[in-house]
Amino acid sequence: MTATYRPDQLGGLPFDRFHAALVAEGATEFDRPGSTRPLNQLPLYQHPSYLFPGYPNTRSRYREGDFPVAEKAHAHTIKLPVWHREQDLKLAEQYVRAARKASEHHKELL
């Protein structure tokens, strides 16, 4: 499951400060996506010759900034597990409370 982090709605609070507040509330599984990112940020698409030695270096490669919309979406995405069992309901509610608390107290985190 993903959510969109909107720093503009939290007074410009940096994601790292928001994330630290979530972790301090026990919501340790909130995280940034790692391997699920825009393709142009993956090493294979930045340096294909590492995996394919015969790939010509002169051929264009994807670079940071080539896909600004996808990169912005990735930079503002928060992920967490999808809980699907009834016994996970309390844990899911804990995460909602942590996100609400961090959001409501964002000015104190600046």
C-alpha atoms as a PDB file:
ATOM      1  CA  MET A   1       0.000   0.000   0.000  1.00  0.00           C
ATOM      2  CA  THR A   2       1.273   3.473  -0.745  1.00  0.00           C
ATOM      3  CA  ALA A   3       0.444   6.984   0.326  1.00  0.00           C
ATOM      4  CA  THR A   4       1.575  10.326  -1.024  1.00  0.00           C
ATOM      5  CA  TYR A   5       3.665  12.546   1.228  1.00  0.00           C
ATOM      6  CA  ARG A   6       2.882  16.199   0.610  1.00  0.00           C
ATOM      7  CA  PRO A   7       5.463  18.394   2.346  1.00  0.00           C
ATOM      8  CA  ASP A   8       3.702  21.533   1.089  1.00  0.00           C
ATOM      9  CA  GLN A   9       0.717  20.630   3.283  1.00  0.00           C
ATOM     10  CA  LEU A  10       2.995  20.174   6.293  1.00  0.00           C
ATOM     11  CA  GLY A  11       4.846  23.469   6.197  1.00  0.00           C
ATOM     12  CA  GLY A  12       7.679  22.048   4.080  1.00  0.00           C
ATOM     13  CA  LEU A  13       8.547  19.371   6.660  1.00  0.00           C
ATOM     14  CA  PRO A  14      11.278  17.168   5.131  1.00  0.00           C
ATOM     15  CA  PHE A  15      10.335  13.546   4.613  1.00  0.00           C
ATOM     16  CA  ASP A  16      13.177  12.326   6.853  1.00  0.00           C
ATOM     17  CA  ARG A  17      11.831  14.310   9.836  1.00  0.00           C
ATOM     18  CA  PHE A  18       8.298  13.059   9.184  1.00  0.00           C
ATOM     19  CA  HIS A  19       9.558   9.491   8.862  1.00  0.00           C
ATOM     20  CA  ALA A  20      11.520   9.772  12.122  1.00  0.00           C
ATOM     21  CA  ALA A  21       8.331  10.914  13.881  1.00  0.00           C
ATOM     22  CA  LEU A  22       6.460   7.894  12.505  1.00  0.00           C
ATOM     23  CA  VAL A  23       9.188   5.533  13.702  1.00  0.00           C
ATOM     24  CA  ALA A  24       9.202   7.209  17.128  1.00  0.00           C
ATOM     25  CA  GLU A  25       5.490   6.385  17.341  1.00  0.00           C
ATOM     26  CA  GLY A  26       6.239   2.719  16.638  1.00  0.00           C
ATOM     27  CA  ALA A  27       5.233   2.810  12.963  1.00  0.00           C
ATOM     28  CA  THR A  28       8.534   1.308  11.838  1.00  0.00           C
ATOM     29  CA  GLU A  29       7.265  -0.216   8.598  1.00  0.00           C
ATOM     30  CA  PHE A  30       6.539   3.126   6.935  1.00  0.00           C
ATOM     31  CA  ASP A  31       9.284   3.418   4.348  1.00  0.00           C
ATOM     32  CA  ARG A  32      10.321   4.798   1.000  1.00  0.00           C
ATOM     33  CA  PRO A  33      10.122   2.478  -1.989  1.00  0.00           C
ATOM     34  CA  GLY A  34      13.551   1.076  -2.821  1.00  0.00           C
ATOM     35  CA  SER A  35      13.522  -1.249  -5.789  1.00  0.00           C
ATOM     36  CA  THR A  36      10.211   0.064  -7.085  1.00  0.00           C
ATOM     37  CA  ARG A  37      11.420   3.316  -8.542  1.00  0.00           C
ATOM     38  CA  PRO A  38      11.451   5.028 -11.933  1.00  0.00           C
ATOM     39  CA  LEU A  39      13.361   2.858 -14.393  1.00  0.00           C
ATOM     40  CA  ASN A  40      15.790   5.625 -15.272  1.00  0.00           C
ATOM     41  CA  GLN A  41      17.086   5.502 -11.685  1.00  0.00           C
ATOM     42  CA  LEU A  42      17.968   1.804 -11.801  1.00  0.00           C
ATOM     43  CA  PRO A  43      21.628   0.980 -12.520  1.00  0.00           C
ATOM     44  CA  LEU A  44      20.675  -1.219 -15.484  1.00  0.00           C
ATOM     45  CA  TYR A  45      19.226   1.774 -17.313  1.00  0.00           C
ATOM     46  CA  GLN A  46      21.974   4.176 -16.283  1.00  0.00           C
ATOM     47  CA  HIS A  47      24.894   1.852 -17.092  1.00  0.00           C
ATOM     48  CA  PRO A  48      23.632  -1.005 -19.295  1.00  0.00           C
ATOM     49  CA  SER A  49      27.175  -1.962 -20.334  1.00  0.00           C
ATOM     50  CA  TYR A  50      27.816  -3.343 -16.817  1.00  0.00           C
ATOM     51  CA  LEU A  51      25.341  -6.146 -17.524  1.00  0.00           C
ATOM     52  CA  PHE A  52      25.699  -6.141 -21.296  1.00  0.00           C
ATOM     53  CA  PRO A  53      29.407  -5.581 -22.053  1.00  0.00           C
ATOM     54  CA  GLY A  54      28.765  -5.353 -25.801  1.00  0.00           C
ATOM     55  CA  TYR A  55      26.268  -2.524 -25.365  1.00  0.00           C
ATOM     56  CA  PRO A  56      27.694   0.586 -27.020  1.00  0.00           C
ATOM     57  CA  ASN A  57      28.633   3.321 -24.546  1.00  0.00           C
ATOM     58  CA  THR A  58      27.786   5.954 -27.124  1.00  0.00           C
ATOM     59  CA  ARG A  59      24.135   4.998 -27.064  1.00  0.00           C
ATOM     60  CA  SER A  60      21.932   7.269 -24.981  1.00  0.00           C
ATOM     61  CA  ARG A  61      21.282   6.254 -21.411  1.00  0.00           C
ATOM     62  CA  TYR A  62      18.534   7.317 -19.083  1.00  0.00           C
ATOM     63  CA  ARG A  63      19.622   9.856 -16.522  1.00  0.00           C
ATOM     64  CA  GLU A  64      18.279  11.435 -13.361  1.00  0.00           C
ATOM     65  CA  GLY A  65      15.759  14.074 -14.414  1.00  0.00           C
ATOM     66  CA  ASP A  66      14.707  12.382 -17.650  1.00  0.00           C
ATOM     67  CA  PHE A  67      11.289  11.534 -16.201  1.00  0.00           C
ATOM     68  CA  PRO A  68      10.440  14.357 -13.772  1.00  0.00           C
ATOM     69  CA  VAL A  69       6.825  13.323 -13.132  1.00  0.00           C
ATOM     70  CA  ALA A  70       7.741   9.729 -12.224  1.00  0.00           C
ATOM     71  CA  GLU A  71      10.697  10.924 -10.140  1.00  0.00           C
ATOM     72  CA  LYS A  72       8.541  13.394  -8.198  1.00  0.00           C
ATOM     73  CA  ALA A  73       5.893  10.730  -7.593  1.00  0.00           C
ATOM     74  CA  HIS A  74       8.563   8.354  -6.288  1.00  0.00           C
ATOM     75  CA  ALA A  75      10.112  11.021  -4.054  1.00  0.00           C
ATOM     76  CA  HIS A  76       6.720  11.654  -2.421  1.00  0.00           C
ATOM     77  CA  THR A  77       5.631   8.033  -1.984  1.00  0.00           C
ATOM     78  CA  ILE A  78       5.464   6.327   1.393  1.00  0.00           C
ATOM     79  CA  LYS A  79       4.878   2.595   1.474  1.00  0.00           C
ATOM     80  CA  LEU A  80       3.696   0.245   4.128  1.00  0.00           C
ATOM     81  CA  PRO A  81       2.626  -3.375   4.214  1.00  0.00           C
ATOM     82  CA  VAL A  82      -0.890  -4.415   3.356  1.00  0.00           C
ATOM     83  CA  TRP A  83      -2.426  -6.036   6.375  1.00  0.00           C
ATOM     84  CA  HIS A  84      -5.053  -8.571   5.468  1.00  0.00           C
ATOM     85  CA  ARG A  85      -5.829 -10.539   8.608  1.00  0.00           C
ATOM     86  CA  GLU A  86      -8.377  -9.506  11.169  1.00  0.00           C
ATOM     87  CA  GLN A  87      -5.746  -9.692  13.925  1.00  0.00           C
ATOM     88  CA  ASP A  88      -3.782  -7.006  12.036  1.00  0.00           C
ATOM     89  CA  LEU A  89      -6.539  -4.438  12.525  1.00  0.00           C
ATOM     90  CA  LYS A  90      -5.027  -3.053  15.749  1.00  0.00           C
ATOM     91  CA  LEU A  91      -1.648  -2.665  14.071  1.00  0.00           C
ATOM     92  CA  ALA A  92      -3.208  -0.853  11.107  1.00  0.00           C
ATOM     93  CA  GLU A  93      -5.027   1.465  13.503  1.00  0.00           C
ATOM     94  CA  GLN A  94      -1.717   2.153  15.296  1.00  0.00           C
ATOM     95  CA  TYR A  95      -0.195   3.235  11.991  1.00  0.00           C
ATOM     96  CA  VAL A  96      -3.131   5.523  11.243  1.00  0.00           C
ATOM     97  CA  ARG A  97      -2.772   7.118  14.691  1.00  0.00           C
ATOM     98  CA  ALA A  98       0.983   7.586  14.171  1.00  0.00           C
ATOM     99  CA  ALA A  99       0.482   9.236  10.763  1.00  0.00           C
ATOM    100  CA  ARG A 100      -2.268  11.460  12.117  1.00  0.00           C
ATOM    101  CA  LYS A 101      -0.169  12.491  15.130  1.00  0.00           C
ATOM    102  CA  ALA A 102       2.920  13.271  13.047  1.00  0.00           C
ATOM    103  CA  SER A 103       0.779  15.255  10.601  1.00  0.00           C
ATOM    104  CA  GLU A 104      -1.067  17.197  13.276  1.00  0.00           C
ATOM    105  CA  HIS A 105       2.185  18.091  15.088  1.00  0.00           C
ATOM    106  CA  HIS A 106       4.240  18.880  11.980  1.00  0.00           C
ATOM    107  CA  LYS A 107       5.019  22.435  13.144  1.00  0.00           C
ATOM    108  CA  GLU A 108       6.786  21.049  16.204  1.00  0.00           C
ATOM    109  CA  LEU A 109       8.908  18.836  13.935  1.00  0.00           C
ATOM    110  CA  LEU A 110      10.205  21.696  11.788  1.00  0.00           C
END
